[in-house]
C-alpha atoms as a PDB file:
ATOM      1  CA  MET A   1       0.080   0.016   0.088  1.00  0.00           C
ATOM      2  CA  ARG A   2       1.147   3.740  -0.766  1.00  0.00           C
ATOM      3  CA  ILE A   3       1.252   5.492   2.436  1.00  0.00           C
ATOM      4  CA  PHE A   4       1.818   9.318   2.390  1.00  0.00           C
ATOM      5  CA  PHE A   5       1.957  11.785   6.176  1.00  0.00           C
ATOM      6  CA  ARG A   6       0.446  14.753   6.919  1.00  0.00           C
ATOM      7  CA  THR A   7       3.583  16.277   8.144  1.00  0.00           C
ATOM      8  CA  ARG A   8       7.480  15.624   7.752  1.00  0.00           C
ATOM      9  CA  LYS A   9       7.971  14.661  11.750  1.00  0.00           C
ATOM     10  CA  LEU A  10       4.945  12.085  11.369  1.00  0.00           C
ATOM     11  CA  GLN A  11       6.737  10.682   8.631  1.00  0.00           C
ATOM     12  CA  LYS A  12      10.252  10.663  10.675  1.00  0.00           C
ATOM     13  CA  ILE A  13       8.425   9.346  13.776  1.00  0.00           C
ATOM     14  CA  CYS A  14       6.881   6.456  11.864  1.00  0.00           C
ATOM     15  CA  SER A  15       9.822   5.668   9.578  1.00  0.00           C
ATOM     16  CA  GLU A  16      12.268   5.720  11.974  1.00  0.00           C
ATOM     17  CA  SER A  17      12.770   3.232  14.973  1.00  0.00           C
ATOM     18  CA  LYS A  18      14.967   5.737  17.031  1.00  0.00           C
ATOM     19  CA  GLU A  19      12.233   8.604  16.562  1.00  0.00           C
ATOM     20  CA  SER A  20       9.534   6.289  17.016  1.00  0.00           C
ATOM     21  CA  MET A  21      11.060   5.206  20.582  1.00  0.00           C
ATOM     22  CA  LYS A  22      12.002   8.957  21.112  1.00  0.00           C
ATOM     23  CA  HIS A  23       8.826  10.024  20.853  1.00  0.00           C
ATOM     24  CA  LEU A  24       6.457   7.370  21.942  1.00  0.00           C
ATOM     25  CA  GLY A  25       8.420   5.127  24.619  1.00  0.00           C
ATOM     26  CA  ALA A  26      10.348   1.634  23.566  1.00  0.00           C
ATOM     27  CA  LYS A  27       6.940  -0.180  23.408  1.00  0.00           C
ATOM     28  CA  ARG A  28       4.819   1.911  21.794  1.00  0.00           C
ATOM     29  CA  GLY A  29       7.523   2.425  19.333  1.00  0.00           C
ATOM     30  CA  LEU A  30       8.266  -0.730  18.394  1.00  0.00           C
ATOM     31  CA  LYS A  31       4.400  -1.298  18.058  1.00  0.00           C
ATOM     32  CA  LEU A  32       4.230   1.455  15.474  1.00  0.00           C
ATOM     33  CA  GLN A  33       6.912  -0.065  13.565  1.00  0.00           C
ATOM     34  CA  GLN A  34       5.230  -3.100  13.205  1.00  0.00           C
ATOM     35  CA  ARG A  35       2.034  -1.723  12.422  1.00  0.00           C
ATOM     36  CA  MET A  36       3.786   0.303   9.469  1.00  0.00           C
ATOM     37  CA  THR A  37       5.637  -2.808   8.170  1.00  0.00           C
ATOM     38  CA  GLU A  38       1.845  -4.404   8.338  1.00  0.00           C
ATOM     39  CA  LEU A  39       0.317  -1.354   6.364  1.00  0.00           C
ATOM     40  CA  ARG A  40       3.582  -1.174   3.555  1.00  0.00           C
ATOM     41  CA  ALA A  41       3.055  -4.993   3.008  1.00  0.00           C
ATOM     42  CA  ALA A  42      -0.491  -4.915   2.412  1.00  0.00           C
ATOM     43  CA  ASP A  43      -1.882  -4.518  -1.355  1.00  0.00           C
ATOM     44  CA  SER A  44      -4.939  -2.756   0.364  1.00  0.00           C
ATOM     45  CA  LEU A  45      -6.739  -1.849   3.237  1.00  0.00           C
ATOM     46  CA  ALA A  46      -8.871  -5.239   3.018  1.00  0.00           C
ATOM     47  CA  ASP A  47      -5.271  -7.183   4.073  1.00  0.00           C
ATOM     48  CA  ILE A  48      -5.318  -5.429   7.430  1.00  0.00           C
ATOM     49  CA  SER A  49      -7.343  -7.409  10.162  1.00  0.00           C
ATOM     50  CA  ARG A  50     -10.173  -5.949  11.640  1.00  0.00           C
ATOM     51  CA  LEU A  51      -9.633  -7.964  14.754  1.00  0.00           C
ATOM     52  CA  PRO A  52      -7.287  -7.729  16.994  1.00  0.00           C
ATOM     53  CA  PRO A  53      -4.051  -7.471  17.082  1.00  0.00           C
ATOM     54  CA  ALA A  54      -4.060  -4.644  14.471  1.00  0.00           C
ATOM     55  CA  ARG A  55      -8.067  -4.258  14.669  1.00  0.00           C
ATOM     56  CA  CYS A  56      -8.519  -1.953  11.847  1.00  0.00           C
ATOM     57  CA  HIS A  57     -11.907   0.001  11.928  1.00  0.00           C
ATOM     58  CA  GLU A  58     -13.247   3.401  11.128  1.00  0.00           C
ATOM     59  CA  LEU A  59     -13.834   5.912  13.636  1.00  0.00           C
ATOM     60  CA  THR A  60     -16.890   7.771  14.445  1.00  0.00           C
ATOM     61  CA  ASN A  61     -18.250  11.269  15.555  1.00  0.00           C
ATOM     62  CA  ASN A  62     -15.764  13.888  14.841  1.00  0.00           C
ATOM     63  CA  ARG A  63     -13.723  11.550  13.490  1.00  0.00           C
ATOM     64  CA  LYS A  64     -16.018  10.141  10.722  1.00  0.00           C
ATOM     65  CA  GLY A  65     -13.980   9.160   7.744  1.00  0.00           C
ATOM     66  CA  GLN A  66     -11.046   8.408   9.723  1.00  0.00           C
ATOM     67  CA  LEU A  67      -9.617   4.902  10.243  1.00  0.00           C
ATOM     68  CA  SER A  68      -6.856   3.224  13.079  1.00  0.00           C
ATOM     69  CA  VAL A  69      -4.821   0.394  13.694  1.00  0.00           C
ATOM     70  CA  ASP A  70      -4.058  -0.315  17.697  1.00  0.00           C
ATOM     71  CA  LEU A  71      -0.630   0.403  18.901  1.00  0.00           C
ATOM     72  CA  GLU A  72      -0.441  -0.234  22.984  1.00  0.00           C
ATOM     73  CA  HIS A  73      -3.754   0.436  24.314  1.00  0.00           C
ATOM     74  CA  PRO A  74      -4.944   3.230  24.166  1.00  0.00           C
ATOM     75  CA  TYR A  75      -2.935   4.768  21.790  1.00  0.00           C
ATOM     76  CA  ARG A  76      -3.699   4.553  17.860  1.00  0.00           C
ATOM     77  CA  LEU A  77      -2.540   4.955  14.534  1.00  0.00           C
ATOM     78  CA  ILE A  78      -4.828   7.370  12.564  1.00  0.00           C
ATOM     79  CA  PHE A  79      -5.249   7.548   8.768  1.00  0.00           C
ATOM     80  CA  ILE A  80      -7.481   8.417   6.239  1.00  0.00           C
ATOM     81  CA  PRO A  81      -8.258   6.926   2.478  1.00  0.00           C
ATOM     82  CA  ALA A  82      -5.752   8.746   0.060  1.00  0.00           C
ATOM     83  CA  ASN A  83      -7.529   7.115  -3.354  1.00  0.00           C
ATOM     84  CA  GLU A  84      -9.185  10.074  -5.462  1.00  0.00           C
ATOM     85  CA  PRO A  85     -11.955   9.464  -5.430  1.00  0.00           C
ATOM     86  CA  ILE A  86     -12.245   7.691  -2.290  1.00  0.00           C
ATOM     87  CA  PRO A  87     -13.610   4.188  -3.037  1.00  0.00           C
ATOM     88  CA  LEU A  88     -17.230   3.312  -1.902  1.00  0.00           C
ATOM     89  CA  ARG A  89     -19.824   0.633  -2.408  1.00  0.00           C
ATOM     90  CA  ASP A  90     -23.116   0.888  -1.555  1.00  0.00           C
ATOM     91  CA  GLY A  91     -22.262   4.065   0.591  1.00  0.00           C
ATOM     92  CA  ARG A  92     -19.612   2.034   2.621  1.00  0.00           C
ATOM     93  CA  LEU A  93     -15.775   2.309   2.153  1.00  0.00           C
ATOM     94  CA  ALA A  94     -14.442  -0.296  -0.202  1.00  0.00           C
ATOM     95  CA  ARG A  95     -11.284  -1.398   2.118  1.00  0.00           C
ATOM     96  CA  GLU A  96     -10.280  -3.880  -0.782  1.00  0.00           C
ATOM     97  CA  GLU A  97     -10.124  -0.764  -3.377  1.00  0.00           C
ATOM     98  CA  VAL A  98      -8.418   1.387  -0.461  1.00  0.00           C
ATOM     99  CA  THR A  99      -4.728   1.446  -1.770  1.00  0.00           C
ATOM    100  CA  GLU A 100      -3.150   4.535  -0.370  1.00  0.00           C
ATOM    101  CA  ILE A 101      -3.443   5.979   3.022  1.00  0.00           C
ATOM    102  CA  GLU A 102      -2.621   9.424   4.663  1.00  0.00           C
ATOM    103  CA  ILE A 103      -0.996   8.842   8.349  1.00  0.00           C
ATOM    104  CA  ILE A 104      -2.541  11.854   9.859  1.00  0.00           C
ATOM    105  CA  GLU A 105      -1.390  11.322  14.106  1.00  0.00           C
ATOM    106  CA  VAL A 106      -0.894   8.972  16.693  1.00  0.00           C
ATOM    107  CA  THR A 107      -3.098   9.580  19.486  1.00  0.00           C
ATOM    108  CA  ASP A 108      -5.093   8.549  22.243  1.00  0.00           C
ATOM    109  CA  THR A 109      -8.713   9.143  20.954  1.00  0.00           C
ATOM    110  CA  HIS A 110     -10.461   8.242  24.298  1.00  0.00           C
ATOM    111  CA  ASN A 111      -9.049  11.638  25.425  1.00  0.00           C
ATOM    112  CA  GLU A 112     -11.237  13.599  23.598  1.00  0.00           C
END
């Protein structure tokens, strides 16, 4: 899958193990690197499990249109589909057609 990043700083944190651990701590940084490897290896979003451990799922409310994968609880890697136009089928995201994503943040969505 093609991956873009909202900022250069975020790209560095997601792409470099040393930066991940510096900003997120060792355990969370290693989990982020694991998730990034899984996302890069996937052909489409459909290849990322909706069940644990990754638990790729669509978010709701003020985060509608965003998706996440779990890192170390309660932190998540947040992203959006980057395909233009966003692939939909019957009004729902067509995961098997999402081949590009944009990483927008690493956060605890429960504290919002």
